[in-house]
Amino acid sequence: MADITLISGSTLGGAEYVAEHLAEKLEEAGFTTETLHGPR
């Protein structure tokens, strides 16, 4: 399956929570994920 990169940015952390949850669900469906939070 496809590799997916999730990029999030948030001041209160809500977007990070959603990105982590989405990554978990995508991995359960067989995708490979990478999650990036904020600027690098």
PDB file of N, CA and C in Angstrom:
ATOM      1  N   MET A   1       0.838  -1.185   0.000  1.00  0.00           N
ATOM      2  CA  MET A   1       0.000   0.000   0.000  1.00  0.00           C
ATOM      3  C   MET A   1       0.881   1.245   0.000  1.00  0.00           C
ATOM      4  N   ALA A   2       0.257   2.393   0.026  1.00  0.00           N
ATOM      5  CA  ALA A   2       0.955   3.676  -0.066  1.00  0.00           C
ATOM      6  C   ALA A   2       1.588   4.083   1.259  1.00  0.00           C
ATOM      7  N   ASP A   3       2.641   4.888   1.143  1.00  0.00           N
ATOM      8  CA  ASP A   3       3.239   5.543   2.304  1.00  0.00           C
ATOM      9  C   ASP A   3       2.545   6.893   2.455  1.00  0.00           C
ATOM     10  N   ILE A   4       2.152   7.236   3.683  1.00  0.00           N
ATOM     11  CA  ILE A   4       1.427   8.483   3.925  1.00  0.00           C
ATOM     12  C   ILE A   4       2.154   9.276   4.996  1.00  0.00           C
ATOM     13  N   THR A   5       2.386  10.567   4.727  1.00  0.00           N
ATOM     14  CA  THR A   5       2.967  11.466   5.717  1.00  0.00           C
ATOM     15  C   THR A   5       1.884  12.423   6.178  1.00  0.00           C
ATOM     16  N   LEU A   6       1.664  12.462   7.494  1.00  0.00           N
ATOM     17  CA  LEU A   6       0.688  13.375   8.087  1.00  0.00           C
ATOM     18  C   LEU A   6       1.461  14.537   8.703  1.00  0.00           C
ATOM     19  N   ILE A   7       1.107  15.764   8.335  1.00  0.00           N
ATOM     20  CA  ILE A   7       1.775  16.954   8.852  1.00  0.00           C
ATOM     21  C   ILE A   7       0.746  17.747   9.648  1.00  0.00           C
ATOM     22  N   SER A   8       1.067  18.045  10.909  1.00  0.00           N
ATOM     23  CA  SER A   8       0.128  18.797  11.738  1.00  0.00           C
ATOM     24  C   SER A   8       0.838  19.957  12.414  1.00  0.00           C
ATOM     25  N   GLY A   9       0.065  20.944  12.783  1.00  0.00           N
ATOM     26  CA  GLY A   9       0.571  22.074  13.544  1.00  0.00           C
ATOM     27  C   GLY A   9      -0.565  22.611  14.398  1.00  0.00           C
ATOM     28  N   SER A  10      -0.282  22.868  15.661  1.00  0.00           N
ATOM     29  CA  SER A  10      -1.344  23.266  16.569  1.00  0.00           C
ATOM     30  C   SER A  10      -0.748  23.994  17.763  1.00  0.00           C
ATOM     31  N   THR A  11      -1.504  24.921  18.328  1.00  0.00           N
ATOM     32  CA  THR A  11      -1.043  25.588  19.544  1.00  0.00           C
ATOM     33  C   THR A  11      -1.547  24.879  20.795  1.00  0.00           C
ATOM     34  N   LEU A  12      -2.648  24.161  20.691  1.00  0.00           N
ATOM     35  CA  LEU A  12      -3.222  23.493  21.859  1.00  0.00           C
ATOM     36  C   LEU A  12      -3.108  21.974  21.818  1.00  0.00           C
ATOM     37  N   GLY A  13      -2.605  21.414  20.732  1.00  0.00           N
ATOM     38  CA  GLY A  13      -2.377  19.982  20.666  1.00  0.00           C
ATOM     39  C   GLY A  13      -3.483  19.156  20.044  1.00  0.00           C
ATOM     40  N   GLY A  14      -4.603  19.766  19.710  1.00  0.00           N
ATOM     41  CA  GLY A  14      -5.712  19.014  19.137  1.00  0.00           C
ATOM     42  C   GLY A  14      -5.380  18.387  17.794  1.00  0.00           C
ATOM     43  N   ALA A  15      -4.673  19.123  16.957  1.00  0.00           N
ATOM     44  CA  ALA A  15      -4.314  18.602  15.631  1.00  0.00           C
ATOM     45  C   ALA A  15      -3.369  17.415  15.748  1.00  0.00           C
ATOM     46  N   GLU A  16      -2.461  17.461  16.713  1.00  0.00           N
ATOM     47  CA  GLU A  16      -1.538  16.342  16.917  1.00  0.00           C
ATOM     48  C   GLU A  16      -2.299  15.089  17.332  1.00  0.00           C
ATOM     49  N   TYR A  17      -3.291  15.257  18.203  1.00  0.00           N
ATOM     50  CA  TYR A  17      -4.101  14.119  18.642  1.00  0.00           C
ATOM     51  C   TYR A  17      -4.823  13.491  17.450  1.00  0.00           C
ATOM     52  N   VAL A  18      -5.413  14.326  16.606  1.00  0.00           N
ATOM     53  CA  VAL A  18      -6.135  13.824  15.431  1.00  0.00           C
ATOM     54  C   VAL A  18      -5.176  13.112  14.480  1.00  0.00           C
ATOM     55  N   ALA A  19      -3.995  13.700  14.249  1.00  0.00           N
ATOM     56  CA  ALA A  19      -3.013  13.097  13.341  1.00  0.00           C
ATOM     57  C   ALA A  19      -2.544  11.740  13.858  1.00  0.00           C
ATOM     58  N   GLU A  20      -2.278  11.642  15.151  1.00  0.00           N
ATOM     59  CA  GLU A  20      -1.841  10.364  15.728  1.00  0.00           C
ATOM     60  C   GLU A  20      -2.944   9.312  15.615  1.00  0.00           C
ATOM     61  N   HIS A  21      -4.178   9.706  15.869  1.00  0.00           N
ATOM     62  CA  HIS A  21      -5.301   8.769  15.773  1.00  0.00           C
ATOM     63  C   HIS A  21      -5.494   8.309  14.324  1.00  0.00           C
ATOM     64  N   LEU A  22      -5.411   9.248  13.391  1.00  0.00           N
ATOM     65  CA  LEU A  22      -5.542   8.904  11.978  1.00  0.00           C
ATOM     66  C   LEU A  22      -4.419   7.979  11.535  1.00  0.00           C
ATOM     67  N   ALA A  23      -3.197   8.236  11.997  1.00  0.00           N
ATOM     68  CA  ALA A  23      -2.064   7.372  11.656  1.00  0.00           C
ATOM     69  C   ALA A  23      -2.314   5.949  12.149  1.00  0.00           C
ATOM     70  N   GLU A  24      -2.841   5.826  13.355  1.00  0.00           N
ATOM     71  CA  GLU A  24      -3.138   4.502  13.913  1.00  0.00           C
ATOM     72  C   GLU A  24      -4.155   3.763  13.047  1.00  0.00           C
ATOM     73  N   LYS A  25      -5.218   4.454  12.655  1.00  0.00           N
ATOM     74  CA  LYS A  25      -6.256   3.826  11.830  1.00  0.00           C
ATOM     75  C   LYS A  25      -5.722   3.454  10.443  1.00  0.00           C
ATOM     76  N   LEU A  26      -4.895   4.317   9.861  1.00  0.00           N
ATOM     77  CA  LEU A  26      -4.315   4.017   8.551  1.00  0.00           C
ATOM     78  C   LEU A  26      -3.393   2.806   8.625  1.00  0.00           C
ATOM     79  N   GLU A  27      -2.603   2.703   9.702  1.00  0.00           N
ATOM     80  CA  GLU A  27      -1.712   1.553   9.861  1.00  0.00           C
ATOM     81  C   GLU A  27      -2.508   0.265  10.037  1.00  0.00           C
ATOM     82  N   GLU A  28      -3.630   0.333  10.750  1.00  0.00           N
ATOM     83  CA  GLU A  28      -4.496  -0.840  10.888  1.00  0.00           C
ATOM     84  C   GLU A  28      -5.033  -1.283   9.526  1.00  0.00           C
ATOM     85  N   ALA A  29      -5.198  -0.325   8.607  1.00  0.00           N
ATOM     86  CA  ALA A  29      -5.701  -0.626   7.264  1.00  0.00           C
ATOM     87  C   ALA A  29      -4.589  -1.041   6.305  1.00  0.00           C
ATOM     88  N   GLY A  30      -3.336  -1.077   6.795  1.00  0.00           N
ATOM     89  CA  GLY A  30      -2.242  -1.565   5.970  1.00  0.00           C
ATOM     90  C   GLY A  30      -1.333  -0.510   5.366  1.00  0.00           C
ATOM     91  N   PHE A  31      -1.570   0.761   5.674  1.00  0.00           N
ATOM     92  CA  PHE A  31      -0.720   1.828   5.154  1.00  0.00           C
ATOM     93  C   PHE A  31       0.499   2.017   6.054  1.00  0.00           C
ATOM     94  N   THR A  32       1.557   2.584   5.495  1.00  0.00           N
ATOM     95  CA  THR A  32       2.729   2.982   6.265  1.00  0.00           C
ATOM     96  C   THR A  32       2.622   4.484   6.481  1.00  0.00           C
ATOM     97  N   THR A  33       2.767   4.940   7.739  1.00  0.00           N
ATOM     98  CA  THR A  33       2.605   6.365   8.019  1.00  0.00           C
ATOM     99  C   THR A  33       3.830   6.951   8.700  1.00  0.00           C
ATOM    100  N   GLU A  34       3.984   8.254   8.518  1.00  0.00           N
ATOM    101  CA  GLU A  34       4.964   9.057   9.242  1.00  0.00           C
ATOM    102  C   GLU A  34       4.211  10.303   9.688  1.00  0.00           C
ATOM    103  N   THR A  35       4.366  10.695  10.947  1.00  0.00           N
ATOM    104  CA  THR A  35       3.673  11.865  11.463  1.00  0.00           C
ATOM    105  C   THR A  35       4.687  12.932  11.835  1.00  0.00           C
ATOM    106  N   LEU A  36       4.488  14.139  11.303  1.00  0.00           N
ATOM    107  CA  LEU A  36       5.365  15.272  11.588  1.00  0.00           C
ATOM    108  C   LEU A  36       4.539  16.346  12.290  1.00  0.00           C
ATOM    109  N   HIS A  37       5.038  16.827  13.427  1.00  0.00           N
ATOM    110  CA  HIS A  37       4.339  17.860  14.190  1.00  0.00           C
ATOM    111  C   HIS A  37       5.128  19.159  14.145  1.00  0.00           C
ATOM    112  N   GLY A  38       4.497  20.212  13.669  1.00  0.00           N
ATOM    113  CA  GLY A  38       5.109  21.536  13.669  1.00  0.00           C
ATOM    114  C   GLY A  38       6.235  21.689  12.673  1.00  0.00           C
ATOM    115  N   PRO A  39       6.820  22.886  12.646  1.00  0.00           N
ATOM    116  CA  PRO A  39       7.918  23.146  11.704  1.00  0.00           C
ATOM    117  C   PRO A  39       9.196  22.428  12.106  1.00  0.00           C
ATOM    118  N   ARG A  40      10.038  22.185  11.105  1.00  0.00           N
ATOM    119  CA  ARG A  40      11.336  21.553  11.372  1.00  0.00           C
ATOM    120  C   ARG A  40      12.434  22.526  11.112  1.00  0.00           C
TER     121      ARG A  40
END
